[in-house]
Every structure is written in structure tokens, then in C-alpha cells.
Amino acid sequence: MELNGEQLTIEDVCAVAAGQGEVALAAAAVEKMERSRAVVERLAAGDAPVYGVNTGVGLLADVRIAPADLDQLQRNVVRSHSAGVGDPLARAEVRAMMLIRANVLAKGYSGIRPVVAERLCDLLNRGVTPWVPSQGSVGASGDLAPLAHMALVLIGEGEAEYQGAVYPGGEALRRAGLEPLTLRAKEGISLINGTQAMLAIGCLELAAAETLADSADVICAMTLDALRGTPRAFDPRLHAVRPHPGQVESAARLRQLLEGSEIRQSHIACRRVQDAYSLRCAPQVHGAVRDSLAEARRVFAIELNAATDNPLVLDDEIVSGGNFHGEPLAFQLDYLAVALTALAGISERRIDRLVNPALNEELPPFLAGHPGLESGLMMAQVTAAALVGENRVLSHPASSGSITTSGNKEDFVSMGMTSALKYKNIVRNTRAVLAIEALSASRALDLLKPLKSSLPIERARERIRAVSAPLEGDRVLHHDISALEKLLASGGLRQ
């Protein structure tokens, strides 16, 4: 994969995060970086103050730095900004962050030497993963603390994972056959200004959520058939007159999934006119989730190839601005949190319809074989309710709560990293809720034998049964739910 700052995709990020392929700078990117570096070196040798090159940073931007101390300034910037706390980011998240940062630098507007971005590529290719605490970023001037912990390893400091063990940064480099870098003028600040931590999490969790959106249609179709619902509400004419793209797509998928069901044919003449909203309005809700995912994908795709450094080398001058501000991403991450909370919420309501005898008289209470003696899936629904309740708390937007930092110089920040971390938890919770619905719907379909559902749904049941055996009396459900979460995460129910 050649990085040029223009063509990186979310799929590329996911692949490299998972350890697939090698990464290098494109030759054209190296040329652009060398041209902008020449501008930095010329201005660094002059008398005019240039932010982050020969001045302090943040509120200390008015403090002039002596020429002999310019390299020390860059080391100090990286060290002082490495103030993160909390659990470390996952290996995949750090790898995604390094890839995106290398791509941003490859655009040629940061004014650093190509070797700095090349060393990030070396870390990816040789499996050196900096230890990066997850907390400490307010999302402007970008993700300073996470990126600083990443940059520490480049100078032989901090900590990094290599071949399954965590070492001091310098030792991890040595074991991988790499040398520490000596950062020159502007290179420290260019490594830490940007939105790459929140964007890395956002890209990985967006891909996971897209898988969940497809899986939710499959699981919903299973539930609808198990409840002897009607697919009439998925009539294409209905959705053509309200043509939101996601709604149209979900309705079409639900129609296709249910086509040819024996269960449907068995009650084709029943007197039920309408199903509950959690069934009938699934295209409208699932579709709105799809549309929010599509908008986030659009924004993330722009940010992957955007110059988010500060200051930037533009033509023959260095311009200070605010491209590091995470607001565009923070809004999308908060919106995604709300959308996934809705997806989990409607799934939990369908679970309740499957197990609640007050809402469903055609299946045994809680889908138990011997209700009373057995509790069936009673507590599985309780777990789903707990997760939805947690999602509701987590979906409160972080981007609406700026807190002033850096002596009031950075007086309005995005809190985008907080949005990303909350969203990651919501994706995990939503996956578990959908796993519980898959468990419940497959159990309900078992109880309707010998009738069969449609061919696609029967195939989905086969995949479920490969990891979760039919329920024969009460048993520990934790293992079934965990196995189904893994099935969903792998895309096993996506098609």
C-alpha cells in the first residue's frame, strides 16, 4: 500500500489495522514532503517567529526559542504532551492511528522530513505497536496525548508492544532492527497535531456497525417470521413514496429474506392487519441507521486524506490555523452513538415480543420447554434491557460539552475522542443485543417445526446452530451469547 495523502480508504485502514499487507510512501509524496521541508528549514534559520518551529506552543506561542534549542523543543513537545491515562488503545486502533497519521504527513503540507513518516511505516511493517493510553484527548488541537504517546516510540522512549511483549520504546525498536529518530524543527508538533486517534476508532467501529446493520435485517426477518408477522409493510411501493436510501434498502432486504417462507404461507389468511412498530417499522428505523452510517462514511473518507496538522506549509509560507479541530468527527461519532442505540433498542423490543407471554400467545412463555420449571430466555431479555439502558447513557453527546484548555488559548474543543470511546462501547453493546435476538428468534423458529422459514433464514439458522446448539432445558446462556457475538462480528449473518 503506497501512501500519498490522497487515496486512503476505510477498507485500507481496517486491513492494515488487522496486520494485512505492508505500507510505504509513494515517490510523489516524498518529493512533496522534501519541498515543504525546505520551506521549514529556510524559515527556521530566519528571524521571523514561526509557531511550533521557533516558538513555544499553546499559550506559550509568544515565547521565542533560541536556534540551538529547536531540536530540544520538539523532544519536549512530545514528552510533555504524553500525559494520557486509562486503559491502552487496542493494537488495531493504534495501528490504524499510525497509518492515518503517516498518510496525512504524506500529503506534503507538514514540513517534516520523509524519514519521519517512513519510520511510522516501519513500525507498521515490523509489528511495533506503541502503548497509547486511551484517555487525555479533548479533540483539539487534535488528539494530542494519544499521538504524543505514539511519537515517543519514534524517539526511543515510551513503551511499545513487539511480538507479544511490551518493552521500553528504544528496546522495541532495537529488537525490530530500527533506530530512534532525532526530531528536527517542527517534526514533534507535526506528529501530535491531528484527529487520527478518534478517526482510527471511528473507522474501525464504523465498519463494525455496517456489519451490524446488515445483520440486524437478517435477525429481524427471523423474528418477524417466528412471530407470524406479515411482510406487507415492506411493499416497495410504500417505500418508493418516502425514498430515504437506507429505508428502501432495508425494506428490499427484508422482502428478499422472507420470500418463500412456509411459515408465512401457513398463516397467509390470518386476520391480523398490522404488526407492532418494532416489526412493521423496521425499514424506517434500520434504514435511518444505514443513512447515518453512510454520512459518517462520507465524513471519515474526507478526513482520512485531509491535512490536519498545524501550522501547515502552504506554498512558500507557514500558515497557522485550526484543521486539527475534531468537530466534524465528533458530531458524526455522537450521531452514530444515537443511531446504534436505536438499533439496539428496537432489537430489544423484538426480543420482548418473542419471550413475553403478554405480547405473544402463540409461543410458550420465555420460549421455555417447561415454563415455570424452566426460565427459558427470561434473563437474556433482561441482559438486553440492561445493555440498552447503558447505551442510552453513553449516547449523550460529548461534542456539546467543551471545556477550555491551555490557559484559555484553546477555549472551544470538540471532545471527539470521548465521543469515539463511548461509541466503541455502544457498538459492543449493540452487537450483544442483536446476538440475544438471534438466540431468541432461532429458538422460536425451532418451536414452529416442522414448518420452515425461507431459504436465506434457514441458512442463517444453520450458521447460528453451528455455534449455539438448540435449547434443551435451561443452561448457562453466557457462552451462547458470546459465540453469537463473535459470529456477528465476523459478518457470519451479514449475507
Foldseek 3Di string as FASTA:
>chain_A
DEAQLADDALVNLQQLLVLHDAYYHDPVLQVLLVVLLVLLVVVLPDDDQDAQQQFADFVRRVHGHDSVCRLVRLVCQLVVLQPADAAWDDSSLQSSLLVLLLNLSSNNWQNFHNVVSRVSSLCSNLVKGFGFHLDDALQPLARQNRLSSVLQLLQQAHWIDHPHDIDGSVVNQVVSVHHHDRGGGRPSLSRRRAHSSLLSLVSVLLVLVVLVLLLLLLLLLLLCLLQLHDLPLLPLVNCVVVPLPLLSVSSVSSCVNFPPFLSNVVCVPPPDDHDDCLNSVVSVLSSVLVVLSVVLSVLSRVRSSDNSGAFTRDPSDTDGDRSSARQVLLVSLLVNLVSLLSSLVSLLVSLCCLAPCVNGVPAPHLLAPDPPVFNNCVVVSVLSVVLSVLSVVLSPRPQVDADADSVNSRVHGRSSSSSSVSSSSSSLSSLLSSLSSSLSSLSSQVVPPPGGGDPLSVQLSVLLCVQPPHDDGDDDCPSSSVSSSVCSSVSVSSD
